[in-house]
Amino acid sequence: MSDIKISGFYDEASGDLRTQCELIKKLGEHYLCPRVVNGKNISAYTVEEFEKDVKPVLDEYGIKFSSIGSPIGKVGLYDEEGYQAQIKKLQELVKIAKVMDCKYIRIFSFRVDKKGDYDAYFPEVVKKLRGYLDVVKGTDIVLLHENEKGIYGDVPDRVMKLYKEINDPQFQLCFDASNYIQCDADPKQAYEMLKDYVVYYHIKDCSKEKVEVPIGHGEGNYENMIHDLVVNRHYKGFMTLEPHTGKYAVARKPIRFLFPIAALIKVEHINMWHKVFARVDKEMGVPKWKTVTREEIVIWQYNGLTKMIADAEASIK
């Protein structure tokens, strides 16, 4: 059996912590990547609030943290007040991570104007990321940089540039194939470039139209990537489910209603979503008007991932 550990942003099924824990146990898993906990972002908790309101529930269900899905770094590059507020939040998250014996905190590399000068941004990005590293200095906590649309480290070249410049064992990479697709980067090329430096994976697939879809139904190259990680690289880390359930679960029926009008007046955004959702319906065997819950989509993602891992393991025998 593979040593890959499966976690998830289970707030994509519900913001209620007990509901998240129930789903984790239903799947036979033990790890959560907290983001929204009881309707409140994990970064809004003090360690005292966390120990009082959150940890007892986690202990009741035997749930551990794989990483903390913080929004640290999702702030304007030149927003000094916002940056200082995030420094304080990170200090609390470090305390929470210690309480949970959690090694990783997810971060980002600041919102920037994509029409601006990325070379000019670079020194300020590095300086402020090092400010985050000062917070975790003296601990064993690792800051995981996630590639994301709209931040400095959105495409593989800039992610690599950051990683090499910072050159600190407490700054490591989280890989999100869907986010690369959103930024017009080829996830296969991104994986080949970064695989020796990535220590954590988010499992989110995306269609060529840049709409999130179940794993294996998009352009994320997941089957090949997971085969390589299992068979060739003997990956032993975490894979965190992040299917982005909202679009399909919430918007699918309204868009089906709106599509005839949107087609007539050529509302491209609705037409495109309708096309992708119809394709997912067909591929997943979902009747047109059947309701699909957010929890069901998380389970789709879990089943798709575990099948890919099992298929990769079977190829070794």
Protein backbone atom coordinates (compact mmCIF):
# COMPACT_ATOMS: atom_id res chain seq x y z
CA MET A 1 0.00 0.00 0.00
CA SER A 2 1.07 3.56 -0.72
CA ASP A 3 2.26 5.76 2.12
CA ILE A 4 0.35 8.74 0.73
CA LYS A 5 -1.85 10.37 3.37
CA ILE A 6 -5.15 11.88 2.23
CA SER A 7 -6.48 15.07 3.75
CA GLY A 8 -8.98 17.63 2.57
CA PHE A 9 -10.48 21.08 2.70
CA TYR A 10 -13.65 19.52 4.08
CA ASP A 11 -15.22 22.95 4.48
CA GLU A 12 -16.06 22.42 0.81
CA ALA A 13 -18.76 20.05 2.08
CA SER A 14 -19.79 22.18 5.07
CA GLY A 15 -18.45 25.01 7.22
CA ASP A 16 -19.59 23.12 10.32
CA LEU A 17 -16.70 21.36 12.05
CA ARG A 18 -18.70 18.34 13.24
CA THR A 19 -20.05 17.79 9.74
CA GLN A 20 -16.48 17.93 8.41
CA CYS A 21 -15.33 15.42 11.00
CA GLU A 22 -18.24 13.08 10.25
CA LEU A 23 -17.30 13.10 6.56
CA ILE A 24 -13.64 12.40 7.34
CA LYS A 25 -14.63 9.38 9.44
CA LYS A 26 -17.11 8.25 6.74
CA LEU A 27 -14.20 8.15 4.29
CA GLY A 28 -12.06 6.25 6.79
CA GLU A 29 -9.51 9.06 7.00
CA HIS A 30 -7.95 11.02 9.87
CA TYR A 31 -6.63 14.32 8.50
CA LEU A 32 -8.17 17.74 7.95
CA CYS A 33 -6.72 20.84 6.32
CA PRO A 34 -8.65 23.55 8.20
CA ARG A 35 -9.73 26.68 6.37
CA VAL A 36 -13.30 27.58 7.41
CA VAL A 37 -14.13 26.20 10.85
CA ASN A 38 -17.66 26.79 12.12
CA GLY A 39 -18.13 29.62 9.67
CA LYS A 40 -14.89 31.35 10.67
CA ASN A 41 -11.55 31.34 8.88
CA ILE A 42 -8.87 29.44 10.79
CA SER A 43 -6.67 32.57 10.75
CA ALA A 44 -9.34 34.46 12.75
CA TYR A 45 -8.88 32.19 15.79
CA THR A 46 -6.58 32.92 18.68
CA VAL A 47 -4.91 29.86 20.15
CA GLU A 48 -7.08 30.27 23.26
CA GLU A 49 -10.28 30.27 21.17
CA PHE A 50 -9.01 27.30 19.20
CA GLU A 51 -8.25 25.24 22.31
CA LYS A 52 -11.66 26.08 23.78
CA ASP A 53 -13.95 25.77 20.75
CA VAL A 54 -12.21 23.61 18.14
CA LYS A 55 -9.69 21.19 19.58
CA PRO A 56 -12.17 19.30 21.81
CA VAL A 57 -14.24 18.38 18.75
CA LEU A 58 -11.15 17.30 16.81
CA ASP A 59 -10.04 15.17 19.76
CA GLU A 60 -13.50 13.60 20.03
CA TYR A 61 -13.24 12.38 16.42
CA GLY A 62 -9.50 11.64 16.47
CA ILE A 63 -8.78 14.19 13.71
CA LYS A 64 -5.30 15.56 13.03
CA PHE A 65 -4.16 18.44 10.83
CA SER A 66 -2.18 17.73 7.65
CA SER A 67 -1.52 21.44 7.17
CA ILE A 68 -3.26 24.69 8.05
CA GLY A 69 -4.94 26.19 4.98
CA SER A 70 -4.27 29.77 5.92
CA PRO A 71 -4.81 32.87 3.75
CA ILE A 72 -1.44 34.28 4.82
CA GLY A 73 0.10 36.09 1.84
CA LYS A 74 -3.27 36.81 0.21
CA VAL A 75 -2.76 40.52 0.65
CA GLY A 76 -1.61 43.28 -1.66
CA LEU A 77 2.16 43.35 -2.03
CA TYR A 78 2.36 46.99 -0.99
CA ASP A 79 -0.38 46.85 1.65
CA GLU A 80 1.82 47.32 4.71
CA GLU A 81 -1.07 47.49 7.18
CA GLY A 82 -2.54 44.28 5.78
CA TYR A 83 0.86 42.60 5.92
CA GLN A 84 1.40 43.50 9.57
CA ALA A 85 -2.07 42.20 10.43
CA GLN A 86 -1.17 38.92 8.74
CA ILE A 87 2.08 38.70 10.70
CA LYS A 88 -0.01 38.74 13.89
CA LYS A 89 -2.36 36.10 12.49
CA LEU A 90 0.59 33.92 11.51
CA GLN A 91 1.93 34.14 15.05
CA GLU A 92 -1.35 32.69 16.33
CA LEU A 93 -1.41 30.04 13.61
CA VAL A 94 2.05 28.90 14.65
CA LYS A 95 0.72 28.39 18.18
CA ILE A 96 -2.28 26.48 16.81
CA ALA A 97 0.02 24.33 14.65
CA LYS A 98 2.08 23.47 17.72
CA VAL A 99 -1.05 22.50 19.67
CA MET A 100 -2.02 20.18 16.80
CA ASP A 101 1.49 18.85 16.19
CA CYS A 102 1.08 20.11 12.61
CA LYS A 103 4.18 20.68 10.50
CA TYR A 104 2.80 22.80 7.63
CA ILE A 105 1.12 26.19 7.20
CA ARG A 106 0.02 27.14 3.67
CA ILE A 107 0.94 30.65 2.47
CA PHE A 108 0.88 32.75 -0.72
CA SER A 109 3.26 35.28 -2.29
CA PHE A 110 1.10 38.42 -2.35
CA ARG A 111 -1.42 39.87 -4.75
CA VAL A 112 0.10 41.85 -7.59
CA ASP A 113 -1.08 43.62 -10.71
CA LYS A 114 -0.47 41.14 -13.52
CA LYS A 115 0.14 44.06 -15.88
CA GLY A 116 2.94 45.34 -13.66
CA ASP A 117 6.68 44.68 -13.57
CA TYR A 118 7.34 41.28 -11.97
CA ASP A 119 11.07 41.96 -11.78
CA ALA A 120 10.31 45.07 -9.73
CA TYR A 121 7.97 43.08 -7.47
CA PHE A 122 10.52 40.37 -6.74
CA PRO A 123 12.69 42.03 -4.04
CA GLU A 124 9.63 43.12 -2.05
CA VAL A 125 8.04 39.66 -2.33
CA VAL A 126 11.22 38.02 -1.05
CA LYS A 127 11.60 40.52 1.78
CA LYS A 128 8.05 40.00 3.01
CA LEU A 129 8.18 36.21 2.67
CA ARG A 130 11.31 36.30 4.81
CA GLY A 131 9.27 38.30 7.32
CA TYR A 132 6.91 35.32 7.52
CA LEU A 133 9.88 33.02 7.93
CA ASP A 134 11.07 35.11 10.89
CA VAL A 135 7.81 34.17 12.63
CA VAL A 136 8.47 30.42 12.33
CA LYS A 137 12.20 30.63 13.03
CA GLY A 138 13.16 28.40 15.95
CA THR A 139 10.24 26.02 15.32
CA ASP A 140 9.98 22.96 13.08
CA ILE A 141 7.06 24.49 11.13
CA VAL A 142 7.34 24.72 7.35
CA LEU A 143 5.62 27.41 5.30
CA LEU A 144 4.11 25.86 2.16
CA HIS A 145 3.93 28.21 -0.81
CA GLU A 146 0.90 27.50 -2.99
CA ASN A 147 0.85 28.65 -6.61
CA GLU A 148 -2.31 30.69 -7.17
CA LYS A 149 -3.82 33.01 -9.74
CA GLY A 150 -3.26 36.70 -9.02
CA ILE A 151 -0.18 36.38 -6.80
CA TYR A 152 3.50 36.75 -7.64
CA GLY A 153 4.18 32.99 -7.57
CA ASP A 154 1.47 32.01 -10.02
CA VAL A 155 3.43 30.22 -12.74
CA PRO A 156 6.26 27.66 -12.50
CA ASP A 157 9.13 29.96 -13.46
CA ARG A 158 8.30 32.47 -10.74
CA VAL A 159 7.67 29.72 -8.18
CA MET A 160 11.10 28.29 -8.90
CA LYS A 161 12.71 31.72 -8.77
CA LEU A 162 11.22 32.33 -5.32
CA TYR A 163 12.19 28.91 -4.03
CA LYS A 164 15.81 29.24 -5.11
CA GLU A 165 16.18 32.81 -3.88
CA ILE A 166 14.72 32.18 -0.44
CA ASN A 167 16.64 28.91 -0.06
CA ASP A 168 15.34 28.05 3.39
CA PRO A 169 14.24 24.58 4.60
CA GLN A 170 11.22 26.20 6.26
CA PHE A 171 9.98 27.45 2.87
CA GLN A 172 8.71 24.61 0.69
CA LEU A 173 6.33 24.16 -2.24
CA CYS A 174 2.72 23.01 -2.49
CA PHE A 175 1.62 22.00 -6.00
CA ASP A 176 -1.85 22.80 -7.35
CA ALA A 177 -2.36 21.64 -10.96
CA SER A 178 -5.70 23.40 -11.34
CA ASN A 179 -4.24 26.75 -10.33
CA TYR A 180 -1.57 26.38 -13.01
CA ILE A 181 -4.27 25.75 -15.62
CA GLN A 182 -6.05 28.90 -14.40
CA CYS A 183 -2.84 30.79 -15.17
CA ASP A 184 -2.37 29.27 -18.66
CA ALA A 185 0.55 27.15 -17.47
CA ASP A 186 0.85 23.51 -18.54
CA PRO A 187 0.53 21.40 -15.35
CA LYS A 188 2.59 18.58 -16.87
CA GLN A 189 5.49 20.94 -17.58
CA ALA A 190 5.03 22.53 -14.14
CA TYR A 191 5.26 19.13 -12.46
CA GLU A 192 8.39 18.17 -14.38
CA MET A 193 10.04 21.46 -13.43
CA LEU A 194 9.09 21.44 -9.75
CA LYS A 195 8.67 17.81 -8.69
CA ASP A 196 12.06 17.63 -6.97
CA TYR A 197 11.08 20.55 -4.74
CA VAL A 198 7.39 19.91 -4.00
CA VAL A 199 6.54 18.38 -0.62
CA TYR A 200 2.73 18.66 -0.63
CA TYR A 201 -0.07 18.35 -3.22
CA HIS A 202 -3.53 19.87 -3.51
CA ILE A 203 -5.92 17.70 -5.52
CA LYS A 204 -8.03 19.95 -7.71
CA ASP A 205 -8.64 19.37 -11.43
CA CYS A 206 -9.66 21.94 -14.01
CA SER A 207 -11.08 21.83 -17.53
CA LYS A 208 -9.58 23.58 -20.54
CA GLU A 209 -12.30 26.19 -20.03
CA LYS A 210 -10.82 26.91 -16.57
CA VAL A 211 -13.72 25.43 -14.62
CA GLU A 212 -13.01 23.03 -11.75
CA VAL A 213 -14.08 19.43 -12.45
CA PRO A 214 -13.68 16.06 -10.69
CA ILE A 215 -10.15 14.64 -10.69
CA GLY A 216 -9.31 12.93 -13.97
CA HIS A 217 -11.95 14.86 -15.92
CA GLY A 218 -9.77 17.91 -16.57
CA GLU A 219 -6.35 18.88 -17.86
CA GLY A 220 -4.47 18.37 -14.59
CA ASN A 221 -2.39 15.35 -15.71
CA TYR A 222 -3.28 13.63 -12.43
CA GLU A 223 -3.15 10.01 -13.60
CA ASN A 224 0.42 10.40 -14.90
CA MET A 225 1.50 12.54 -11.96
CA ILE A 226 0.17 10.16 -9.33
CA HIS A 227 1.65 7.17 -11.17
CA ASP A 228 5.05 8.86 -11.11
CA LEU A 229 4.73 9.85 -7.44
CA VAL A 230 3.75 6.34 -6.37
CA VAL A 231 5.87 4.19 -8.67
CA ASN A 232 9.01 6.23 -9.26
CA ARG A 233 9.25 8.76 -6.45
CA HIS A 234 7.74 6.72 -3.58
CA TYR A 235 5.98 9.83 -2.31
CA LYS A 236 5.01 9.56 1.36
CA GLY A 237 3.42 12.95 1.97
CA PHE A 238 -0.03 14.48 1.94
CA MET A 239 -2.54 14.95 -0.83
CA THR A 240 -5.30 17.36 0.16
CA LEU A 241 -8.68 17.20 -1.59
CA GLU A 242 -9.80 20.59 -2.89
CA PRO A 243 -12.50 19.96 -5.50
CA HIS A 244 -14.07 23.46 -5.36
CA THR A 245 -17.57 22.07 -4.95
CA GLY A 246 -19.45 25.36 -5.11
CA LYS A 247 -19.65 25.94 -8.84
CA TYR A 248 -21.04 22.57 -9.83
CA ALA A 249 -23.19 21.90 -6.75
CA VAL A 250 -24.67 25.38 -6.41
CA ALA A 251 -24.56 26.91 -9.89
CA ARG A 252 -25.33 23.89 -12.08
CA LYS A 253 -29.15 24.01 -11.90
CA PRO A 254 -29.54 27.81 -12.14
CA ILE A 255 -27.23 27.84 -15.17
CA ARG A 256 -29.26 25.07 -16.81
CA PHE A 257 -32.35 27.25 -16.36
CA LEU A 258 -30.55 30.34 -17.70
CA PHE A 259 -28.83 28.62 -20.60
CA PRO A 260 -31.59 29.03 -23.24
CA ILE A 261 -31.67 32.79 -22.65
CA ALA A 262 -27.89 33.05 -22.34
CA ALA A 263 -27.45 31.17 -25.62
CA LEU A 264 -29.77 33.60 -27.40
CA ILE A 265 -28.04 36.72 -26.11
CA LYS A 266 -24.58 35.10 -26.20
CA VAL A 267 -23.59 35.38 -22.54
CA GLU A 268 -20.34 33.48 -22.98
CA HIS A 269 -19.60 32.89 -19.29
CA ILE A 270 -22.90 31.09 -18.67
CA ASN A 271 -22.69 29.21 -21.95
CA MET A 272 -19.21 27.97 -21.09
CA TRP A 273 -20.19 26.83 -17.58
CA HIS A 274 -23.25 25.07 -19.02
CA LYS A 275 -21.05 23.20 -21.49
CA VAL A 276 -18.63 22.05 -18.78
CA PHE A 277 -21.37 21.05 -16.33
CA ALA A 278 -23.18 19.06 -19.04
CA ARG A 279 -19.94 17.25 -19.80
CA VAL A 280 -19.41 16.42 -16.13
CA ASP A 281 -23.01 15.19 -15.87
CA LYS A 282 -22.41 12.82 -18.76
CA GLU A 283 -19.03 11.58 -17.55
CA MET A 284 -20.23 11.07 -13.96
CA GLY A 285 -23.58 9.57 -15.01
CA VAL A 286 -25.66 12.30 -13.35
CA PRO A 287 -29.20 12.90 -14.67
CA LYS A 288 -29.81 16.46 -15.89
CA TRP A 289 -31.90 17.75 -13.02
CA LYS A 290 -30.57 15.60 -10.19
CA THR A 291 -29.28 17.57 -7.23
CA VAL A 292 -25.64 16.90 -6.41
CA THR A 293 -24.50 17.96 -2.96
CA ARG A 294 -21.17 19.44 -2.02
CA GLU A 295 -20.45 16.35 0.07
CA GLU A 296 -21.06 14.10 -2.93
CA ILE A 297 -18.50 16.06 -4.96
CA VAL A 298 -15.90 15.68 -2.19
CA ILE A 299 -16.61 11.92 -2.22
CA TRP A 300 -16.21 11.88 -6.04
CA GLN A 301 -12.83 13.51 -5.58
CA TYR A 302 -11.82 11.09 -2.84
CA ASN A 303 -12.87 8.04 -4.86
CA GLY A 304 -11.11 9.32 -7.96
CA LEU A 305 -7.89 9.96 -6.08
CA THR A 306 -7.86 6.65 -4.23
CA LYS A 307 -8.53 4.78 -7.49
CA MET A 308 -5.57 6.49 -9.18
CA ILE A 309 -3.34 5.64 -6.23
CA ALA A 310 -4.56 2.01 -6.24
CA ASP A 311 -4.03 1.72 -10.01
CA ALA A 312 -0.50 3.05 -9.65
CA GLU A 313 0.21 0.56 -6.84
CA ALA A 314 -1.19 -2.31 -8.91
CA SER A 315 1.20 -1.50 -11.75
CA ILE A 316 4.15 -2.23 -9.47
CA LYS A 317 3.10 -5.85 -8.83
